[in-house]
Amino acid sequence: MAYHITDDCIACGACQPECPTDAISEGDIYSIDPEKCIDCGACANVCPVDAPQPE
């Protein structure tokens, strides 16, 4: 089960360097490639607004 980023994302960038599979892409709201996501939760652990959520 991959994570996805909700509309709560503030595009702070904290999650992107934490992803071990480079599944997170930058944007107005960041996005996670479900094909690359390994469901580790590293992004969710550093997000200040809890935007990354499991599907």
N, C-alpha and C. Protein backbone atom coordinates (compact mmCIF):
# COMPACT_ATOMS: atom_id res chain seq x y z
N MET A 1 0.85 -1.17 0.00
CA MET A 1 0.00 0.00 0.00
C MET A 1 0.89 1.24 0.00
N ALA A 2 0.77 2.05 -1.02
CA ALA A 2 1.60 3.25 -1.16
C ALA A 2 0.99 4.41 -0.37
N TYR A 3 1.85 5.35 -0.05
CA TYR A 3 1.40 6.60 0.55
C TYR A 3 0.96 7.55 -0.56
N HIS A 4 0.13 8.51 -0.22
CA HIS A 4 -0.21 9.61 -1.12
C HIS A 4 -0.15 10.89 -0.31
N ILE A 5 -0.05 12.01 -0.99
CA ILE A 5 0.03 13.30 -0.30
C ILE A 5 -1.30 14.02 -0.46
N THR A 6 -1.86 14.43 0.66
CA THR A 6 -3.16 15.08 0.66
C THR A 6 -3.03 16.56 0.29
N ASP A 7 -4.18 17.21 0.14
CA ASP A 7 -4.22 18.64 -0.17
C ASP A 7 -3.69 19.50 0.98
N ASP A 8 -3.43 18.90 2.13
CA ASP A 8 -2.86 19.65 3.27
C ASP A 8 -1.40 20.02 3.04
N CYS A 9 -0.77 19.44 2.02
CA CYS A 9 0.64 19.69 1.73
C CYS A 9 0.91 21.18 1.57
N ILE A 10 1.98 21.65 2.23
CA ILE A 10 2.39 23.05 2.13
C ILE A 10 3.66 23.20 1.29
N ALA A 11 4.07 22.12 0.63
CA ALA A 11 5.24 22.11 -0.26
C ALA A 11 6.51 22.62 0.42
N CYS A 12 6.71 22.19 1.66
CA CYS A 12 7.89 22.64 2.41
C CYS A 12 9.15 21.88 1.99
N GLY A 13 8.99 20.69 1.42
CA GLY A 13 10.14 19.93 0.95
C GLY A 13 10.78 19.02 1.96
N ALA A 14 10.25 18.94 3.17
CA ALA A 14 10.86 18.11 4.21
C ALA A 14 10.84 16.63 3.85
N CYS A 15 9.81 16.20 3.15
CA CYS A 15 9.64 14.78 2.86
C CYS A 15 10.57 14.25 1.77
N GLN A 16 10.82 15.06 0.76
CA GLN A 16 11.54 14.58 -0.42
C GLN A 16 12.90 13.96 -0.12
N PRO A 17 13.78 14.60 0.66
CA PRO A 17 15.08 13.99 0.92
C PRO A 17 15.01 12.74 1.80
N GLU A 18 13.90 12.53 2.49
CA GLU A 18 13.76 11.38 3.37
C GLU A 18 13.38 10.10 2.62
N CYS A 19 12.88 10.23 1.41
CA CYS A 19 12.38 9.07 0.65
C CYS A 19 13.55 8.24 0.11
N PRO A 20 13.66 6.98 0.53
CA PRO A 20 14.78 6.15 0.09
C PRO A 20 14.67 5.68 -1.36
N THR A 21 13.50 5.84 -1.97
CA THR A 21 13.31 5.38 -3.36
C THR A 21 13.07 6.53 -4.34
N ASP A 22 13.25 7.76 -3.90
CA ASP A 22 13.02 8.94 -4.74
C ASP A 22 11.64 8.93 -5.38
N ALA A 23 10.63 8.55 -4.62
CA ALA A 23 9.26 8.46 -5.13
C ALA A 23 8.51 9.78 -5.05
N ILE A 24 9.08 10.78 -4.40
CA ILE A 24 8.38 12.05 -4.17
C ILE A 24 8.83 13.09 -5.17
N SER A 25 7.85 13.71 -5.84
CA SER A 25 8.11 14.76 -6.83
C SER A 25 7.65 16.10 -6.31
N GLU A 26 8.43 17.12 -6.62
CA GLU A 26 8.14 18.49 -6.19
C GLU A 26 7.01 19.09 -7.02
N GLY A 27 6.25 19.97 -6.40
CA GLY A 27 5.18 20.68 -7.09
C GLY A 27 4.47 21.60 -6.12
N ASP A 28 3.37 22.22 -6.58
CA ASP A 28 2.58 23.05 -5.67
C ASP A 28 2.13 22.22 -4.48
N ILE A 29 1.74 20.99 -4.77
CA ILE A 29 1.51 19.94 -3.78
C ILE A 29 2.39 18.79 -4.22
N TYR A 30 3.24 18.31 -3.36
CA TYR A 30 4.13 17.24 -3.74
C TYR A 30 3.32 15.99 -4.07
N SER A 31 3.91 15.07 -4.82
CA SER A 31 3.21 13.83 -5.17
C SER A 31 4.14 12.65 -4.96
N ILE A 32 3.54 11.50 -4.73
CA ILE A 32 4.28 10.25 -4.51
C ILE A 32 3.93 9.28 -5.62
N ASP A 33 4.95 8.73 -6.27
CA ASP A 33 4.75 7.72 -7.32
C ASP A 33 4.44 6.40 -6.63
N PRO A 34 3.22 5.88 -6.80
CA PRO A 34 2.86 4.64 -6.11
C PRO A 34 3.66 3.42 -6.58
N GLU A 35 4.25 3.51 -7.76
CA GLU A 35 5.07 2.40 -8.27
C GLU A 35 6.43 2.34 -7.55
N LYS A 36 6.89 3.48 -7.05
CA LYS A 36 8.18 3.54 -6.35
C LYS A 36 8.05 3.48 -4.84
N CYS A 37 6.91 3.87 -4.30
CA CYS A 37 6.70 3.93 -2.85
C CYS A 37 6.75 2.53 -2.24
N ILE A 38 7.55 2.39 -1.17
CA ILE A 38 7.67 1.10 -0.49
C ILE A 38 6.96 1.10 0.86
N ASP A 39 6.14 2.12 1.10
CA ASP A 39 5.32 2.19 2.31
C ASP A 39 6.14 2.21 3.60
N CYS A 40 7.27 2.92 3.55
CA CYS A 40 8.15 2.95 4.73
C CYS A 40 7.71 3.99 5.76
N GLY A 41 7.00 5.04 5.31
CA GLY A 41 6.53 6.07 6.23
C GLY A 41 7.55 7.13 6.58
N ALA A 42 8.72 7.11 5.96
CA ALA A 42 9.74 8.11 6.27
C ALA A 42 9.24 9.52 5.99
N CYS A 43 8.47 9.69 4.93
CA CYS A 43 7.92 11.01 4.58
C CYS A 43 6.93 11.49 5.64
N ALA A 44 6.10 10.59 6.09
CA ALA A 44 5.08 10.94 7.09
C ALA A 44 5.72 11.33 8.42
N ASN A 45 6.85 10.74 8.73
CA ASN A 45 7.51 11.02 10.00
C ASN A 45 8.07 12.43 10.10
N VAL A 46 8.35 13.07 8.96
CA VAL A 46 8.95 14.41 9.00
C VAL A 46 7.99 15.51 8.57
N CYS A 47 6.83 15.16 8.09
CA CYS A 47 5.89 16.16 7.58
C CYS A 47 5.26 16.96 8.72
N PRO A 48 5.36 18.31 8.66
CA PRO A 48 4.79 19.13 9.73
C PRO A 48 3.26 19.22 9.72
N VAL A 49 2.63 18.81 8.61
CA VAL A 49 1.16 18.92 8.51
C VAL A 49 0.50 17.56 8.25
N ASP A 50 1.24 16.48 8.42
CA ASP A 50 0.72 15.12 8.22
C ASP A 50 0.07 14.92 6.86
N ALA A 51 0.66 15.49 5.80
CA ALA A 51 0.09 15.36 4.46
C ALA A 51 0.28 13.96 3.86
N PRO A 52 1.42 13.29 4.04
CA PRO A 52 1.52 11.93 3.50
C PRO A 52 0.67 10.95 4.32
N GLN A 53 -0.21 10.27 3.65
CA GLN A 53 -1.11 9.32 4.30
C GLN A 53 -1.11 8.01 3.53
N PRO A 54 -1.29 6.88 4.23
CA PRO A 54 -1.38 5.61 3.50
C PRO A 54 -2.66 5.59 2.66
N GLU A 55 -2.58 4.93 1.53
CA GLU A 55 -3.78 4.81 0.65
C GLU A 55 -4.86 4.04 1.36
